[in-house]
Amino acid sequence: MFKKILIALTATTMIAGPIATTQAQAATHGPQKHRTETTRIVVKHKPLGRTIVKQKTVRKAEHRRWAKGQRFDRRHAANYRVVNNYRNYRLSAPPRGYHWVRSGNDAALIAITGGVIGAVIGGAFR
């Protein structure tokens, strides 16, 4: 009898554990916010007298604010680029093992191996 209860508890723990972890991770990260832009293009053909309207909808990620000590994920960065010409933007030379990255109009100093943010300069690319 005791053995059956122990087996049932073990099975429940093995099934419910990953489900609870997945729900907790989804709650901490939350949904990705998107901004929708609609572009309307009107083309008129003079010889034929026709008007063609094309509509294009683009979903872009919202700008995220980065802070020192966070782990940088380029999927959440708007306009992600590695900045090699940091002197043109009046940024200091990155220390060994770091590089400058552009996210929106912000510059972030990122550790190459771990992805941890060392510094953030807001509005560096305006």
Protein backbone atom coordinates (compact mmCIF):
# COMPACT_ATOMS: atom_id res chain seq x y z
CA MET A 1 0.00 0.00 0.00
CA PHE A 2 2.72 2.45 1.00
CA LYS A 3 4.71 1.53 -2.09
CA LYS A 4 1.76 2.44 -4.39
CA ILE A 5 1.36 5.85 -2.72
CA LEU A 6 5.08 6.53 -3.06
CA ILE A 7 5.03 5.61 -6.77
CA ALA A 8 1.98 7.83 -7.37
CA LEU A 9 3.65 10.82 -5.64
CA THR A 10 6.85 10.32 -7.63
CA ALA A 11 4.96 10.18 -10.91
CA THR A 12 2.97 13.31 -10.04
CA THR A 13 6.15 15.19 -9.18
CA MET A 14 7.84 14.17 -12.41
CA ILE A 15 4.85 15.31 -14.50
CA ALA A 16 3.95 18.51 -12.62
CA GLY A 17 7.54 19.74 -12.14
CA PRO A 18 8.33 20.73 -15.75
CA ILE A 19 4.85 22.21 -16.22
CA ALA A 20 5.22 24.47 -13.17
CA THR A 21 8.71 25.54 -14.28
CA THR A 22 7.49 26.42 -17.78
CA GLN A 23 4.61 28.49 -16.40
CA ALA A 24 6.95 30.32 -14.00
CA GLN A 25 9.36 31.17 -16.82
CA ALA A 26 6.53 32.43 -19.03
CA ALA A 27 5.25 34.63 -16.20
CA THR A 28 8.65 36.25 -15.56
CA HIS A 29 9.44 37.03 -19.19
CA GLY A 30 5.94 38.03 -20.24
CA PRO A 31 4.74 38.48 -23.79
CA GLN A 32 6.89 40.29 -26.32
CA LYS A 33 5.44 43.72 -27.05
CA HIS A 34 5.14 44.59 -30.72
CA ARG A 35 4.33 47.75 -32.57
CA THR A 36 2.40 47.39 -35.82
CA GLU A 37 3.06 49.72 -38.73
CA THR A 38 0.90 49.74 -41.84
CA THR A 39 2.22 51.18 -45.08
CA ARG A 40 -0.13 51.93 -47.96
CA ILE A 41 1.26 52.29 -51.46
CA VAL A 42 -0.91 53.63 -54.28
CA VAL A 43 0.28 53.01 -57.85
CA LYS A 44 -1.55 54.57 -60.81
CA HIS A 45 -1.06 53.35 -64.33
CA LYS A 46 -1.75 56.26 -66.67
CA PRO A 47 -2.11 54.40 -69.97
CA LEU A 48 -4.49 51.81 -68.56
CA GLY A 49 -6.30 54.09 -66.10
CA ARG A 50 -6.05 51.56 -63.27
CA THR A 51 -5.21 52.22 -59.64
CA ILE A 52 -3.43 49.50 -57.68
CA VAL A 53 -3.29 49.73 -53.89
CA LYS A 54 -0.75 47.62 -52.01
CA GLN A 55 -0.82 47.39 -48.25
CA LYS A 56 2.06 46.12 -46.13
CA THR A 57 1.90 45.48 -42.37
CA VAL A 58 5.14 45.20 -40.39
CA ARG A 59 5.45 44.10 -36.76
CA LYS A 60 8.42 45.59 -34.93
CA ALA A 61 9.57 44.88 -31.39
CA GLU A 62 9.25 47.66 -28.83
CA HIS A 63 12.41 49.31 -27.54
CA ARG A 64 13.77 47.61 -24.43
CA ARG A 65 15.67 49.37 -21.67
CA TRP A 66 18.90 47.65 -20.77
CA ALA A 67 20.68 47.91 -17.41
CA LYS A 68 24.12 47.00 -16.12
CA GLY A 69 24.33 43.39 -14.94
CA GLN A 70 21.51 42.07 -17.15
CA ARG A 71 22.12 39.35 -19.68
CA PHE A 72 21.95 40.79 -23.20
CA ASP A 73 19.82 38.90 -25.72
CA ARG A 74 20.04 40.25 -29.25
CA ARG A 75 16.56 38.94 -30.11
CA HIS A 76 15.11 41.61 -27.82
CA ALA A 77 17.29 44.43 -29.16
CA ALA A 78 15.86 46.88 -31.66
CA ASN A 79 18.26 47.67 -34.53
CA TYR A 80 20.98 45.32 -33.20
CA ARG A 81 24.49 45.92 -34.53
CA VAL A 82 28.01 45.38 -33.25
CA VAL A 83 29.80 48.75 -33.20
CA ASN A 84 33.36 48.52 -34.49
CA ASN A 85 33.88 52.27 -35.05
CA TYR A 86 33.19 53.26 -31.44
CA ARG A 87 35.38 56.39 -31.69
CA ASN A 88 32.96 57.93 -34.20
CA TYR A 89 30.27 57.82 -31.52
CA ARG A 90 32.55 59.10 -28.72
CA LEU A 91 32.59 55.75 -26.95
CA SER A 92 35.63 54.57 -25.02
CA ALA A 93 37.67 51.60 -26.18
CA PRO A 94 36.08 48.39 -24.90
CA PRO A 95 38.14 46.39 -22.39
CA ARG A 96 39.49 42.98 -23.35
CA GLY A 97 36.63 40.48 -23.71
CA TYR A 98 33.95 43.15 -24.35
CA HIS A 99 32.48 44.88 -27.40
CA TRP A 100 30.04 47.74 -28.02
CA VAL A 101 26.59 46.85 -29.32
CA ARG A 102 23.82 49.08 -30.64
CA SER A 103 20.26 48.50 -29.47
CA GLY A 104 17.92 51.19 -30.75
CA ASN A 105 19.65 54.49 -29.90
CA ASP A 106 21.50 53.01 -26.91
CA ALA A 107 25.05 51.68 -26.76
CA ALA A 108 25.72 48.70 -24.50
CA LEU A 109 29.08 47.26 -23.49
CA ILE A 110 28.64 43.48 -23.67
CA ALA A 111 30.88 40.65 -22.46
CA ILE A 112 31.68 38.54 -25.51
CA THR A 113 31.58 35.18 -23.73
CA GLY A 114 28.77 35.60 -21.19
CA GLY A 115 26.62 38.34 -22.70
CA VAL A 116 26.46 40.29 -19.44
CA ILE A 117 26.05 44.06 -19.81
CA GLY A 118 28.94 46.07 -18.39
CA ALA A 119 27.64 49.56 -19.16
CA VAL A 120 24.80 51.26 -21.02
CA ILE A 121 24.90 54.72 -22.63
CA GLY A 122 21.45 55.95 -23.57
CA GLY A 123 21.01 58.03 -26.71
CA ALA A 124 24.52 57.42 -28.05
CA PHE A 125 23.30 57.16 -31.66
CA ARG A 126 21.02 60.19 -31.97
